[in-house]
Amino acid sequence: MSASNGPIVSTDRLAAHLDDPAWIVVDCRFDLADPAAGEQAYREAHIPGARYAHLDRDLSAAKNGTNGRHPLPGRPAIAATFGQLGMTRGHQIVAYDQGGGMFASRLWWMVRYAGHDRVAVLDGGWVKWQGEDRPSQAGTERATPTTFAPSWRTALLVDAATVARDVGNPDVTLLDARAAERYAGSTEPLDPVAGHIPGAVNHPCQTNLLPDGTFDEPDALRQRLGAVLGTATPDQIVSYCGSGVTACHNLLALALAGLDGGKLYAGSWSEWCSDPARPIERTPETS
């Protein structure tokens, strides 16, 4: 699918703007199991003009053992990173990753958090771009640094204390983006404790995508998300996942479905479960 304006952009539309100085492309490819792999793949081949943003180095702050696996950088650090990438408030930003937008959506959310709406994720990512035999380039591209002037939307971000306060609040709906078995607590490959935040509902972010890695149609997303969220309005939704990355994918899907306005709990499960005083919930397996 394509979108001329909104949270996703088609390969056709990006191809038509590759030489447009008002468009900035950022490669966000990453592999949780091999943190160097995405940057290496970028050096080997990337969309012409794309700059690289590393999930650990550029889109996350330092870990301290209690702030999650991908803690959100502070606001000055975010603005500085955007400046290093050559962004200004006058640019259209397009982020992409290897395919389904799981990592690109983190940058998408951060740019919107900084008050800039002209940002989108490339639908289908590098896999679709490459599969269509579109141009690529090797090496590393450096942007001319700029000063990015943010207008922070602080209401889009919540912390662990806020989530803890709102556990059991019928006016807050926690939306867990992890796979169903991780949400249930039957397995946990990445964090030391299995389960979910009490009262959370589950919408695995992979269900936002079609088999080819592009986003499903807005009506289908709205129906699927509505079945999970019930009567919750966008401003009542708090999205989380394992480390605050794929939670952004659900926020993007909500925006695509016309349900924009949810909040991010960036610390997510990896931060939540680091404190044994915080309650956890597991879902009994059913046959």
C-alpha atoms as a PDB file:
ATOM      1  CA  MET A   1       0.000   0.000   0.000  1.00  0.00           C
ATOM      2  CA  SER A   2       1.116   3.587  -0.384  1.00  0.00           C
ATOM      3  CA  ALA A   3       0.515   6.844   1.407  1.00  0.00           C
ATOM      4  CA  SER A   4       1.250  10.286   0.024  1.00  0.00           C
ATOM      5  CA  ASN A   5       1.055  11.879   3.465  1.00  0.00           C
ATOM      6  CA  GLY A   6       0.973  10.033   6.728  1.00  0.00           C
ATOM      7  CA  PRO A   7       2.914   7.450   8.722  1.00  0.00           C
ATOM      8  CA  ILE A   8       4.035   5.320   5.763  1.00  0.00           C
ATOM      9  CA  VAL A   9       5.374   6.071   2.304  1.00  0.00           C
ATOM     10  CA  SER A  10       5.562   3.776  -0.731  1.00  0.00           C
ATOM     11  CA  THR A  11       8.716   2.789  -2.573  1.00  0.00           C
ATOM     12  CA  ASP A  12       7.301   4.500  -5.675  1.00  0.00           C
ATOM     13  CA  ARG A  13       6.906   7.796  -3.851  1.00  0.00           C
ATOM     14  CA  LEU A  14      10.321   7.660  -2.244  1.00  0.00           C
ATOM     15  CA  ALA A  15      11.939   6.807  -5.582  1.00  0.00           C
ATOM     16  CA  ALA A  16      10.345   9.905  -7.063  1.00  0.00           C
ATOM     17  CA  HIS A  17      11.950  12.056  -4.331  1.00  0.00           C
ATOM     18  CA  LEU A  18      15.450  10.551  -4.115  1.00  0.00           C
ATOM     19  CA  ASP A  19      16.982  13.728  -5.542  1.00  0.00           C
ATOM     20  CA  ASP A  20      14.720  16.053  -3.544  1.00  0.00           C
ATOM     21  CA  PRO A  21      16.820  17.973  -0.983  1.00  0.00           C
ATOM     22  CA  ALA A  22      13.722  18.413   1.145  1.00  0.00           C
ATOM     23  CA  TRP A  23      13.615  14.646   1.761  1.00  0.00           C
ATOM     24  CA  ILE A  24      15.982  12.886   4.171  1.00  0.00           C
ATOM     25  CA  VAL A  25      16.240   9.093   4.275  1.00  0.00           C
ATOM     26  CA  VAL A  26      17.485   7.272   7.369  1.00  0.00           C
ATOM     27  CA  ASP A  27      18.493   3.603   7.357  1.00  0.00           C
ATOM     28  CA  CYS A  28      17.542   1.931  10.668  1.00  0.00           C
ATOM     29  CA  ARG A  29      18.365  -1.696   9.874  1.00  0.00           C
ATOM     30  CA  PHE A  30      19.255  -3.649  13.005  1.00  0.00           C
ATOM     31  CA  ASP A  31      19.540  -7.179  14.360  1.00  0.00           C
ATOM     32  CA  LEU A  32      18.972  -7.691  18.080  1.00  0.00           C
ATOM     33  CA  ALA A  33      21.105 -10.836  17.987  1.00  0.00           C
ATOM     34  CA  ASP A  34      23.962  -9.106  16.127  1.00  0.00           C
ATOM     35  CA  PRO A  35      24.017  -5.338  16.828  1.00  0.00           C
ATOM     36  CA  ALA A  36      26.720  -4.691  14.223  1.00  0.00           C
ATOM     37  CA  ALA A  37      24.875  -6.414  11.371  1.00  0.00           C
ATOM     38  CA  GLY A  38      22.567  -3.566  10.375  1.00  0.00           C
ATOM     39  CA  GLU A  39      25.352  -1.031  10.019  1.00  0.00           C
ATOM     40  CA  GLN A  40      27.457  -3.522   8.072  1.00  0.00           C
ATOM     41  CA  ALA A  41      24.543  -4.179   5.714  1.00  0.00           C
ATOM     42  CA  TYR A  42      24.178  -0.405   5.291  1.00  0.00           C
ATOM     43  CA  ARG A  43      27.829  -0.072   4.295  1.00  0.00           C
ATOM     44  CA  GLU A  44      27.429  -2.834   1.733  1.00  0.00           C
ATOM     45  CA  ALA A  45      24.308  -1.342   0.120  1.00  0.00           C
ATOM     46  CA  HIS A  46      21.673   1.225   1.039  1.00  0.00           C
ATOM     47  CA  ILE A  47      19.152   3.562  -0.530  1.00  0.00           C
ATOM     48  CA  PRO A  48      21.120   6.411  -2.173  1.00  0.00           C
ATOM     49  CA  GLY A  49      21.508   9.363   0.144  1.00  0.00           C
ATOM     50  CA  ALA A  50      20.463   7.451   3.269  1.00  0.00           C
ATOM     51  CA  ARG A  51      22.216   8.156   6.559  1.00  0.00           C
ATOM     52  CA  TYR A  52      22.470   5.389   9.156  1.00  0.00           C
ATOM     53  CA  ALA A  53      20.951   5.466  12.654  1.00  0.00           C
ATOM     54  CA  HIS A  54      22.059   2.695  15.017  1.00  0.00           C
ATOM     55  CA  LEU A  55      19.415   1.506  17.491  1.00  0.00           C
ATOM     56  CA  ASP A  56      21.831   1.150  20.410  1.00  0.00           C
ATOM     57  CA  ARG A  57      24.109   4.092  19.676  1.00  0.00           C
ATOM     58  CA  ASP A  58      21.782   6.715  18.181  1.00  0.00           C
ATOM     59  CA  LEU A  59      18.218   5.818  19.152  1.00  0.00           C
ATOM     60  CA  SER A  60      18.836   4.585  22.711  1.00  0.00           C
ATOM     61  CA  ALA A  61      20.549   5.836  25.850  1.00  0.00           C
ATOM     62  CA  ALA A  62      22.992   3.900  28.012  1.00  0.00           C
ATOM     63  CA  LYS A  63      21.584   0.969  29.980  1.00  0.00           C
ATOM     64  CA  ASN A  64      22.020   0.873  33.735  1.00  0.00           C
ATOM     65  CA  GLY A  65      20.311  -2.422  34.532  1.00  0.00           C
ATOM     66  CA  THR A  66      17.009  -0.916  35.610  1.00  0.00           C
ATOM     67  CA  ASN A  67      16.022   1.374  32.723  1.00  0.00           C
ATOM     68  CA  GLY A  68      15.315  -1.288  30.102  1.00  0.00           C
ATOM     69  CA  ARG A  69      17.193  -2.729  27.148  1.00  0.00           C
ATOM     70  CA  HIS A  70      16.704   0.282  24.858  1.00  0.00           C
ATOM     71  CA  PRO A  71      16.143   3.295  27.113  1.00  0.00           C
ATOM     72  CA  LEU A  72      14.983   6.410  25.327  1.00  0.00           C
ATOM     73  CA  PRO A  73      17.657   9.115  25.081  1.00  0.00           C
ATOM     74  CA  GLY A  74      17.071  12.383  26.862  1.00  0.00           C
ATOM     75  CA  ARG A  75      15.596  15.219  24.861  1.00  0.00           C
ATOM     76  CA  PRO A  76      18.899  17.095  24.286  1.00  0.00           C
ATOM     77  CA  ALA A  77      20.513  13.889  23.010  1.00  0.00           C
ATOM     78  CA  ILE A  78      17.607  13.232  20.626  1.00  0.00           C
ATOM     79  CA  ALA A  79      17.812  16.753  19.190  1.00  0.00           C
ATOM     80  CA  ALA A  80      21.589  16.407  18.810  1.00  0.00           C
ATOM     81  CA  THR A  81      21.223  13.091  16.955  1.00  0.00           C
ATOM     82  CA  PHE A  82      18.665  14.580  14.598  1.00  0.00           C
ATOM     83  CA  GLY A  83      21.047  17.455  13.925  1.00  0.00           C
ATOM     84  CA  GLN A  84      23.876  15.013  13.175  1.00  0.00           C
ATOM     85  CA  LEU A  85      21.563  13.279  10.695  1.00  0.00           C
ATOM     86  CA  GLY A  86      21.033  16.616   8.960  1.00  0.00           C
ATOM     87  CA  MET A  87      17.381  16.959   9.896  1.00  0.00           C
ATOM     88  CA  THR A  88      15.484  20.222  10.197  1.00  0.00           C
ATOM     89  CA  ARG A  89      11.822  20.946  10.751  1.00  0.00           C
ATOM     90  CA  GLY A  90      11.553  21.685   7.026  1.00  0.00           C
ATOM     91  CA  HIS A  91      12.424  18.163   5.903  1.00  0.00           C
ATOM     92  CA  GLN A  92      10.301  15.154   5.039  1.00  0.00           C
ATOM     93  CA  ILE A  93      11.932  12.289   6.943  1.00  0.00           C
ATOM     94  CA  VAL A  94      11.681   8.701   5.695  1.00  0.00           C
ATOM     95  CA  ALA A  95      12.964   5.870   7.889  1.00  0.00           C
ATOM     96  CA  TYR A  96      13.419   2.297   6.726  1.00  0.00           C
ATOM     97  CA  ASP A  97      14.781  -0.979   8.014  1.00  0.00           C
ATOM     98  CA  GLN A  98      15.186  -4.466   6.608  1.00  0.00           C
ATOM     99  CA  GLY A  99      11.475  -4.998   6.075  1.00  0.00           C
ATOM    100  CA  GLY A 100       8.483  -4.556   8.298  1.00  0.00           C
ATOM    101  CA  GLY A 101       9.370  -1.286   9.998  1.00  0.00           C
ATOM    102  CA  MET A 102      10.012  -2.662  13.492  1.00  0.00           C
ATOM    103  CA  PHE A 103      13.128  -0.534  13.980  1.00  0.00           C
ATOM    104  CA  ALA A 104      12.240   2.332  11.635  1.00  0.00           C
ATOM    105  CA  SER A 105       9.100   2.962  13.671  1.00  0.00           C
ATOM    106  CA  ARG A 106      11.288   3.853  16.677  1.00  0.00           C
ATOM    107  CA  LEU A 107      12.785   6.758  14.717  1.00  0.00           C
ATOM    108  CA  TRP A 108       9.326   7.649  13.386  1.00  0.00           C
ATOM    109  CA  TRP A 109       8.018   7.944  16.951  1.00  0.00           C
ATOM    110  CA  MET A 110      11.036   9.915  18.182  1.00  0.00           C
ATOM    111  CA  VAL A 111      10.691  12.482  15.372  1.00  0.00           C
ATOM    112  CA  ARG A 112       7.007  12.945  16.200  1.00  0.00           C
ATOM    113  CA  TYR A 113       7.833  13.182  19.914  1.00  0.00           C
ATOM    114  CA  ALA A 114      10.129  16.060  18.917  1.00  0.00           C
ATOM    115  CA  GLY A 115       7.143  17.807  17.353  1.00  0.00           C
ATOM    116  CA  HIS A 116       7.744  17.073  13.676  1.00  0.00           C
ATOM    117  CA  ASP A 117       4.928  15.455  11.688  1.00  0.00           C
ATOM    118  CA  ARG A 118       6.568  15.112   8.283  1.00  0.00           C
ATOM    119  CA  VAL A 119       8.004  11.688   8.983  1.00  0.00           C
ATOM    120  CA  ALA A 120       7.107   8.286   7.556  1.00  0.00           C
ATOM    121  CA  VAL A 121       8.287   4.692   7.454  1.00  0.00           C
ATOM    122  CA  LEU A 122       9.078   3.157   4.082  1.00  0.00           C
ATOM    123  CA  ASP A 123       6.421   0.511   3.513  1.00  0.00           C
ATOM    124  CA  GLY A 124       8.149  -2.829   2.966  1.00  0.00           C
ATOM    125  CA  GLY A 125      11.575  -1.406   3.769  1.00  0.00           C
ATOM    126  CA  TRP A 126      14.839  -2.520   2.211  1.00  0.00           C
ATOM    127  CA  VAL A 127      13.492  -5.924   1.183  1.00  0.00           C
ATOM    128  CA  LYS A 128      10.820  -4.353  -1.014  1.00  0.00           C
ATOM    129  CA  TRP A 129      13.159  -1.671  -2.345  1.00  0.00           C
ATOM    130  CA  GLN A 130      15.792  -4.218  -3.292  1.00  0.00           C
ATOM    131  CA  GLY A 131      13.221  -6.659  -4.658  1.00  0.00           C
ATOM    132  CA  GLU A 132      12.055  -4.006  -7.092  1.00  0.00           C
ATOM    133  CA  ASP A 133      15.607  -3.509  -8.397  1.00  0.00           C
ATOM    134  CA  ARG A 134      15.718   0.079  -7.270  1.00  0.00           C
ATOM    135  CA  PRO A 135      19.026   1.962  -6.997  1.00  0.00           C
ATOM    136  CA  SER A 136      21.435   1.344  -4.147  1.00  0.00           C
ATOM    137  CA  GLN A 137      24.749   2.703  -2.987  1.00  0.00           C
ATOM    138  CA  ALA A 138      27.654   1.371  -0.909  1.00  0.00           C
ATOM    139  CA  GLY A 139      29.776   3.106   1.703  1.00  0.00           C
ATOM    140  CA  THR A 140      28.888   5.578   4.446  1.00  0.00           C
ATOM    141  CA  GLU A 141      27.141   8.877   3.862  1.00  0.00           C
ATOM    142  CA  ARG A 142      27.668  11.813   6.191  1.00  0.00           C
ATOM    143  CA  ALA A 143      25.107  14.540   6.532  1.00  0.00           C
ATOM    144  CA  THR A 144      25.917  18.207   6.892  1.00  0.00           C
ATOM    145  CA  PRO A 145      25.072  18.823  10.562  1.00  0.00           C
ATOM    146  CA  THR A 146      22.140  21.064  11.305  1.00  0.00           C
ATOM    147  CA  THR A 147      20.416  22.441  14.354  1.00  0.00           C
ATOM    148  CA  PHE A 148      17.144  20.609  14.872  1.00  0.00           C
ATOM    149  CA  ALA A 149      14.639  22.792  16.730  1.00  0.00           C
ATOM    150  CA  PRO A 150      12.260  20.474  18.603  1.00  0.00           C
ATOM    151  CA  SER A 151       8.837  21.263  19.981  1.00  0.00           C
ATOM    152  CA  TRP A 152       8.492  18.435  22.472  1.00  0.00           C
ATOM    153  CA  ARG A 153       5.233  16.569  22.843  1.00  0.00           C
ATOM    154  CA  THR A 154       5.874  15.377  26.374  1.00  0.00           C
ATOM    155  CA  ALA A 155       2.347  13.989  26.709  1.00  0.00           C
ATOM    156  CA  LEU A 156       3.255  11.206  24.248  1.00  0.00           C
ATOM    157  CA  LEU A 157       5.678   9.589  26.726  1.00  0.00           C
ATOM    158  CA  VAL A 158       4.965   7.951  30.075  1.00  0.00           C
ATOM    159  CA  ASP A 159       7.356   6.526  32.648  1.00  0.00           C
ATOM    160  CA  ALA A 160       7.231   3.495  34.942  1.00  0.00           C
ATOM    161  CA  ALA A 161       5.806   5.484  37.846  1.00  0.00           C
ATOM    162  CA  THR A 162       2.905   6.663  35.698  1.00  0.00           C
ATOM    163  CA  VAL A 163       2.229   3.141  34.459  1.00  0.00           C
ATOM    164  CA  ALA A 164       2.347   1.795  38.022  1.00  0.00           C
ATOM    165  CA  ARG A 165      -0.099   4.449  39.142  1.00  0.00           C
ATOM    166  CA  ASP A 166      -2.497   3.563  36.338  1.00  0.00           C
ATOM    167  CA  VAL A 167      -2.504  -0.238  36.721  1.00  0.00           C
ATOM    168  CA  GLY A 168      -6.165  -1.087  37.184  1.00  0.00           C
ATOM    169  CA  ASN A 169      -7.366   2.313  35.947  1.00  0.00           C
ATOM    170  CA  PRO A 170     -10.274   1.637  33.550  1.00  0.00           C
ATOM    171  CA  ASP A 171      -9.433   4.839  31.677  1.00  0.00           C
ATOM    172  CA  VAL A 172      -5.973   3.554  30.682  1.00  0.00           C
ATOM    173  CA  THR A 173      -5.412   0.637  28.306  1.00  0.00           C
ATOM    174  CA  LEU A 174      -1.953  -0.918  28.193  1.00  0.00           C
ATOM    175  CA  LEU A 175      -1.224  -2.397  24.755  1.00  0.00           C
ATOM    176  CA  ASP A 176       1.512  -5.053  24.664  1.00  0.00           C
ATOM    177  CA  ALA A 177       3.204  -5.445  21.246  1.00  0.00           C
ATOM    178  CA  ARG A 178       5.111  -8.664  21.982  1.00  0.00           C
ATOM    179  CA  ALA A 179       4.356 -12.113  20.616  1.00  0.00           C
ATOM    180  CA  ALA A 180       1.450 -13.867  22.308  1.00  0.00           C
ATOM    181  CA  GLU A 181       3.618 -16.408  24.140  1.00  0.00           C
ATOM    182  CA  ARG A 182       5.804 -13.675  25.644  1.00  0.00           C
ATOM    183  CA  TYR A 183       2.740 -11.698  26.686  1.00  0.00           C
ATOM    184  CA  ALA A 184       1.270 -14.832  28.282  1.00  0.00           C
ATOM    185  CA  GLY A 185       4.517 -15.523  30.108  1.00  0.00           C
ATOM    186  CA  SER A 186       4.924 -19.041  28.717  1.00  0.00           C
ATOM    187  CA  THR A 187       8.333 -18.070  27.342  1.00  0.00           C
ATOM    188  CA  GLU A 188      10.718 -15.143  27.668  1.00  0.00           C
ATOM    189  CA  PRO A 189      13.843 -15.245  25.499  1.00  0.00           C
ATOM    190  CA  LEU A 190      15.178 -11.764  26.246  1.00  0.00           C
ATOM    191  CA  ASP A 191      14.258 -10.611  29.751  1.00  0.00           C
ATOM    192  CA  PRO A 192      14.819 -12.285  33.135  1.00  0.00           C
ATOM    193  CA  VAL A 193      11.136 -12.395  34.102  1.00  0.00           C
ATOM    194  CA  ALA A 194       8.207 -13.637  32.018  1.00  0.00           C
ATOM    195  CA  GLY A 195       4.718 -12.163  31.915  1.00  0.00           C
ATOM    196  CA  HIS A 196       3.067  -8.822  31.290  1.00  0.00           C
ATOM    197  CA  ILE A 197       1.969  -5.698  33.111  1.00  0.00           C
ATOM    198  CA  PRO A 198      -1.305  -6.448  34.924  1.00  0.00           C
ATOM    199  CA  GLY A 199      -4.369  -5.567  32.884  1.00  0.00           C
ATOM    200  CA  ALA A 200      -2.524  -5.178  29.587  1.00  0.00           C
ATOM    201  CA  VAL A 201      -4.047  -6.447  26.354  1.00  0.00           C
ATOM    202  CA  ASN A 202      -2.015  -8.051  23.580  1.00  0.00           C
ATOM    203  CA  HIS A 203      -1.654  -7.063  19.931  1.00  0.00           C
ATOM    204  CA  PRO A 204       1.535  -8.596  18.467  1.00  0.00           C
ATOM    205  CA  CYS A 205       3.043  -5.999  16.176  1.00  0.00           C
ATOM    206  CA  GLN A 206       3.660  -8.564  13.424  1.00  0.00           C
ATOM    207  CA  THR A 207      -0.091  -8.727  12.903  1.00  0.00           C
ATOM    208  CA  ASN A 208       0.057  -5.177  11.527  1.00  0.00           C
ATOM    209  CA  LEU A 209       1.762  -6.551   8.419  1.00  0.00           C
ATOM    210  CA  LEU A 210       0.795  -8.496   5.334  1.00  0.00           C
ATOM    211  CA  PRO A 211       2.881 -11.553   4.363  1.00  0.00           C
ATOM    212  CA  ASP A 212       5.106  -9.401   2.130  1.00  0.00           C
ATOM    213  CA  GLY A 213       6.102  -7.156   5.044  1.00  0.00           C
ATOM    214  CA  THR A 214       3.979  -4.151   4.051  1.00  0.00           C
ATOM    215  CA  PHE A 215       1.318  -2.691   6.318  1.00  0.00           C
ATOM    216  CA  ASP A 216      -2.228  -3.941   6.117  1.00  0.00           C
ATOM    217  CA  GLU A 217      -5.007  -1.627   4.939  1.00  0.00           C
ATOM    218  CA  PRO A 218      -6.220   1.004   7.440  1.00  0.00           C
ATOM    219  CA  ASP A 219      -9.720  -0.507   7.690  1.00  0.00           C
ATOM    220  CA  ALA A 220      -8.313  -3.951   8.480  1.00  0.00           C
ATOM    221  CA  LEU A 221      -5.950  -2.498  11.077  1.00  0.00           C
ATOM    222  CA  ARG A 222      -8.756  -0.513  12.660  1.00  0.00           C
ATOM    223  CA  GLN A 223     -10.932  -3.596  12.921  1.00  0.00           C
ATOM    224  CA  ARG A 224      -8.163  -5.780  14.341  1.00  0.00           C
ATOM    225  CA  LEU A 225      -6.970  -3.192  16.838  1.00  0.00           C
ATOM    226  CA  GLY A 226     -10.538  -2.350  17.813  1.00  0.00           C
ATOM    227  CA  ALA A 227     -11.190  -5.973  18.679  1.00  0.00           C
ATOM    228  CA  VAL A 228      -8.351  -5.793  21.212  1.00  0.00           C
ATOM    229  CA  LEU A 229      -8.820  -2.251  22.496  1.00  0.00           C
ATOM    230  CA  GLY A 230     -12.598  -2.226  22.801  1.00  0.00           C
ATOM    231  CA  THR A 231     -13.924   1.238  23.580  1.00  0.00           C
ATOM    232  CA  ALA A 232     -10.544   2.749  24.508  1.00  0.00           C
ATOM    233  CA  THR A 233      -9.898   6.064  22.797  1.00  0.00           C
ATOM    234  CA  PRO A 234      -6.423   6.844  21.405  1.00  0.00           C
ATOM    235  CA  ASP A 235      -5.506   9.146  24.294  1.00  0.00           C
ATOM    236  CA  GLN A 236      -6.204   6.291  26.741  1.00  0.00           C
ATOM    237  CA  ILE A 237      -3.761   3.881  25.063  1.00  0.00           C
ATOM    238  CA  VAL A 238      -0.242   3.265  26.409  1.00  0.00           C
ATOM    239  CA  SER A 239       1.856   1.103  24.107  1.00  0.00           C
ATOM    240  CA  TYR A 240       4.731  -1.026  25.357  1.00  0.00           C
ATOM    241  CA  CYS A 241       6.750  -4.075  24.282  1.00  0.00           C
ATOM    242  CA  GLY A 242       9.998  -5.627  25.439  1.00  0.00           C
ATOM    243  CA  SER A 243      12.194  -2.541  25.200  1.00  0.00           C
ATOM    244  CA  GLY A 244      10.201   0.320  23.680  1.00  0.00           C
ATOM    245  CA  VAL A 245      10.937  -0.438  20.028  1.00  0.00           C
ATOM    246  CA  THR A 246       8.119  -2.528  18.560  1.00  0.00           C
ATOM    247  CA  ALA A 247       5.692  -0.619  20.790  1.00  0.00           C
ATOM    248  CA  CYS A 248       6.267   2.210  18.299  1.00  0.00           C
ATOM    249  CA  HIS A 249       5.167  -0.131  15.506  1.00  0.00           C
ATOM    250  CA  ASN A 250       1.760  -0.464  17.163  1.00  0.00           C
ATOM    251  CA  LEU A 251       1.555   3.313  17.590  1.00  0.00           C
ATOM    252  CA  LEU A 252       2.298   3.694  13.883  1.00  0.00           C
ATOM    253  CA  ALA A 253      -0.381   1.119  13.032  1.00  0.00           C
ATOM    254  CA  LEU A 254      -2.850   2.991  15.236  1.00  0.00           C
ATOM    255  CA  ALA A 255      -2.034   6.225  13.408  1.00  0.00           C
ATOM    256  CA  LEU A 256      -2.444   4.493  10.055  1.00  0.00           C
ATOM    257  CA  ALA A 257      -5.814   3.184  11.236  1.00  0.00           C
ATOM    258  CA  GLY A 258      -6.974   6.701  12.117  1.00  0.00           C
ATOM    259  CA  LEU A 259      -6.436   6.171  15.861  1.00  0.00           C
ATOM    260  CA  ASP A 260      -3.470   8.486  16.390  1.00  0.00           C
ATOM    261  CA  GLY A 261      -2.646   9.833  19.831  1.00  0.00           C
ATOM    262  CA  GLY A 262      -1.478   6.868  21.909  1.00  0.00           C
ATOM    263  CA  LYS A 263       1.411   7.143  24.347  1.00  0.00           C
ATOM    264  CA  LEU A 264       4.663   5.187  24.639  1.00  0.00           C
ATOM    265  CA  TYR A 265       6.003   3.525  27.759  1.00  0.00           C
ATOM    266  CA  ALA A 266       9.573   3.509  26.503  1.00  0.00           C
ATOM    267  CA  GLY A 267      11.079   1.436  29.302  1.00  0.00           C
ATOM    268  CA  SER A 268       8.547  -1.293  28.571  1.00  0.00           C
ATOM    269  CA  TRP A 269       8.707  -4.823  29.985  1.00  0.00           C
ATOM    270  CA  SER A 270      12.512  -4.910  30.314  1.00  0.00           C
ATOM    271  CA  GLU A 271      12.382  -1.918  32.669  1.00  0.00           C
ATOM    272  CA  TRP A 272       9.168  -2.974  34.404  1.00  0.00           C
ATOM    273  CA  CYS A 273      10.366  -6.450  35.336  1.00  0.00           C
ATOM    274  CA  SER A 274      13.724  -5.188  36.640  1.00  0.00           C
ATOM    275  CA  ASP A 275      12.025  -4.123  39.889  1.00  0.00           C
ATOM    276  CA  PRO A 276      10.636  -7.116  41.821  1.00  0.00           C
ATOM    277  CA  ALA A 277       8.254  -4.791  43.646  1.00  0.00           C
ATOM    278  CA  ARG A 278       6.299  -4.144  40.457  1.00  0.00           C
ATOM    279  CA  PRO A 279       3.378  -6.502  39.881  1.00  0.00           C
ATOM    280  CA  ILE A 280       3.354  -8.930  36.980  1.00  0.00           C
ATOM    281  CA  GLU A 281       0.643 -11.067  35.445  1.00  0.00           C
ATOM    282  CA  ARG A 282       0.751 -14.314  33.501  1.00  0.00           C
ATOM    283  CA  THR A 283      -1.990 -15.809  31.375  1.00  0.00           C
ATOM    284  CA  PRO A 284      -2.718 -19.520  31.923  1.00  0.00           C
ATOM    285  CA  GLU A 285      -2.204 -21.536  28.749  1.00  0.00           C
ATOM    286  CA  THR A 286      -5.366 -22.838  27.165  1.00  0.00           C
ATOM    287  CA  SER A 287      -5.659 -25.840  24.891  1.00  0.00           C
END
